[in-house]
C-alpha atoms as a PDB file:
ATOM      1  CA  MET A   1     -46.632  82.733  -1.022  1.00  0.00           C
ATOM      2  CA  ASP A   2     -48.128  82.307  -4.406  1.00  0.00           C
ATOM      3  CA  ASN A   3     -50.404  84.785  -6.156  1.00  0.00           C
ATOM      4  CA  LYS A   4     -53.651  83.029  -5.190  1.00  0.00           C
ATOM      5  CA  ALA A   5     -52.772  83.090  -1.504  1.00  0.00           C
ATOM      6  CA  MET A   6     -51.914  86.772  -1.695  1.00  0.00           C
ATOM      7  CA  ALA A   7     -55.219  87.481  -3.485  1.00  0.00           C
ATOM      8  CA  LEU A   8     -57.170  85.633  -0.781  1.00  0.00           C
ATOM      9  CA  LEU A   9     -55.323  87.531   1.948  1.00  0.00           C
ATOM     10  CA  ALA A  10     -56.034  90.826   0.197  1.00  0.00           C
ATOM     11  CA  ALA A  11     -59.716  89.863  -0.157  1.00  0.00           C
ATOM     12  CA  GLY A  12     -59.977  89.166   3.554  1.00  0.00           C
ATOM     13  CA  LEU A  13     -58.258  92.408   4.444  1.00  0.00           C
ATOM     14  CA  SER A  14     -60.408  94.417   2.061  1.00  0.00           C
ATOM     15  CA  MET A  15     -63.597  93.076   3.629  1.00  0.00           C
ATOM     16  CA  GLY A  16     -62.309  93.484   7.173  1.00  0.00           C
ATOM     17  CA  ILE A  17     -61.111  97.033   6.754  1.00  0.00           C
ATOM     18  CA  GLY A  18     -63.891  97.875   4.319  1.00  0.00           C
ATOM     19  CA  ALA A  19     -66.568  96.908   6.853  1.00  0.00           C
ATOM     20  CA  LEU A  20     -64.931  98.699   9.763  1.00  0.00           C
ATOM     21  CA  GLY A  21     -65.583 102.237   8.532  1.00  0.00           C
ATOM     22  CA  PRO A  22     -69.246 101.751   7.590  1.00  0.00           C
ATOM     23  CA  GLY A  23     -69.892  99.957  10.883  1.00  0.00           C
ATOM     24  CA  ILE A  24     -68.563 102.886  12.859  1.00  0.00           C
ATOM     25  CA  GLY A  25     -70.306 105.379  10.585  1.00  0.00           C
ATOM     26  CA  ILE A  26     -73.713 103.713  10.802  1.00  0.00           C
ATOM     27  CA  GLY A  27     -73.434 103.385  14.573  1.00  0.00           C
ATOM     28  CA  TYR A  28     -72.621 107.075  14.896  1.00  0.00           C
ATOM     29  CA  LEU A  29     -75.377 108.064  12.468  1.00  0.00           C
ATOM     30  CA  VAL A  30     -78.093 106.046  14.211  1.00  0.00           C
ATOM     31  CA  GLY A  31     -76.979 107.255  17.641  1.00  0.00           C
ATOM     32  CA  LYS A  32     -77.179 110.889  16.610  1.00  0.00           C
ATOM     33  CA  SER A  33     -80.535 110.290  14.921  1.00  0.00           C
ATOM     34  CA  VAL A  34     -81.931 108.803  18.134  1.00  0.00           C
ATOM     35  CA  GLU A  35     -80.642 111.825  20.040  1.00  0.00           C
ATOM     36  CA  GLY A  36     -82.325 114.143  17.543  1.00  0.00           C
ATOM     37  CA  ILE A  37     -85.626 112.283  17.780  1.00  0.00           C
ATOM     38  CA  ALA A  38     -85.430 112.358  21.585  1.00  0.00           C
ATOM     39  CA  ARG A  39     -84.944 116.145  21.514  1.00  0.00           C
ATOM     40  CA  GLN A  40     -87.591 116.864  18.884  1.00  0.00           C
ATOM     41  CA  PRO A  41     -90.125 114.034  18.583  1.00  0.00           C
ATOM     42  CA  GLU A  42     -92.227 116.070  16.142  1.00  0.00           C
ATOM     43  CA  ALA A  43     -89.373 115.978  13.595  1.00  0.00           C
ATOM     44  CA  SER A  44     -88.951 112.203  13.794  1.00  0.00           C
ATOM     45  CA  GLY A  45     -90.199 111.598  10.234  1.00  0.00           C
ATOM     46  CA  ASP A  46     -87.663 113.953   8.656  1.00  0.00           C
ATOM     47  CA  ILE A  47     -84.846 112.690  10.876  1.00  0.00           C
ATOM     48  CA  ARG A  48     -85.689 109.065  10.100  1.00  0.00           C
ATOM     49  CA  THR A  49     -85.786 109.710   6.355  1.00  0.00           C
ATOM     50  CA  THR A  50     -82.419 111.456   6.442  1.00  0.00           C
ATOM     51  CA  MET A  51     -81.015 108.655   8.586  1.00  0.00           C
ATOM     52  CA  PHE A  52     -82.033 105.977   6.067  1.00  0.00           C
ATOM     53  CA  ILE A  53     -80.512 107.945   3.193  1.00  0.00           C
ATOM     54  CA  GLY A  54     -77.281 108.270   5.180  1.00  0.00           C
ATOM     55  CA  ILE A  55     -77.278 104.569   5.992  1.00  0.00           C
ATOM     56  CA  GLY A  56     -77.649 103.735   2.303  1.00  0.00           C
ATOM     57  CA  VAL A  57     -74.769 105.981   1.307  1.00  0.00           C
ATOM     58  CA  THR A  58     -72.566 104.659   4.108  1.00  0.00           C
ATOM     59  CA  GLU A  59     -73.396 101.035   3.328  1.00  0.00           C
ATOM     60  CA  ALA A  60     -72.287 101.574  -0.271  1.00  0.00           C
ATOM     61  CA  VAL A  61     -68.668 101.668   0.940  1.00  0.00           C
ATOM     62  CA  ALA A  62     -69.021  98.153   2.376  1.00  0.00           C
ATOM     63  CA  LEU A  63     -70.578  96.953  -0.870  1.00  0.00           C
ATOM     64  CA  TYR A  64     -67.642  98.353  -2.833  1.00  0.00           C
ATOM     65  CA  ALA A  65     -65.289  96.424  -0.538  1.00  0.00           C
ATOM     66  CA  LEU A  66     -67.345  93.273  -1.152  1.00  0.00           C
ATOM     67  CA  VAL A  67     -67.091  93.716  -4.918  1.00  0.00           C
ATOM     68  CA  ILE A  68     -63.322  94.163  -4.673  1.00  0.00           C
ATOM     69  CA  ALA A  69     -63.040  91.071  -2.455  1.00  0.00           C
ATOM     70  CA  ILE A  70     -65.084  88.972  -4.902  1.00  0.00           C
ATOM     71  CA  LEU A  71     -62.951  90.192  -7.785  1.00  0.00           C
ATOM     72  CA  LEU A  72     -59.789  89.283  -5.895  1.00  0.00           C
ATOM     73  CA  ILE A  73     -61.072  85.802  -5.060  1.00  0.00           C
ATOM     74  CA  PHE A  74     -62.375  84.784  -8.458  1.00  0.00           C
ATOM     75  CA  VAL A  75     -60.304  86.773 -10.971  1.00  0.00           C
ATOM     76  CA  ALA A  76     -56.812  86.687  -9.470  1.00  0.00           C
END
């Protein structure tokens, strides 16, 4: 394999593996937030706000993987 093929393979792997963790993390976070809202409906505003902050932080990992994949595709 030449260098370009290896860079494309690495880009695909970085996006695949890089999206796996945030997908699991966001699913877990939203599930627990729904449980918390079901137990204490009066705290739904605080729980929802915290959930969205957590989603943003978790999604940043997938964006980092996307940046690495783009760099591998176009720079290598």
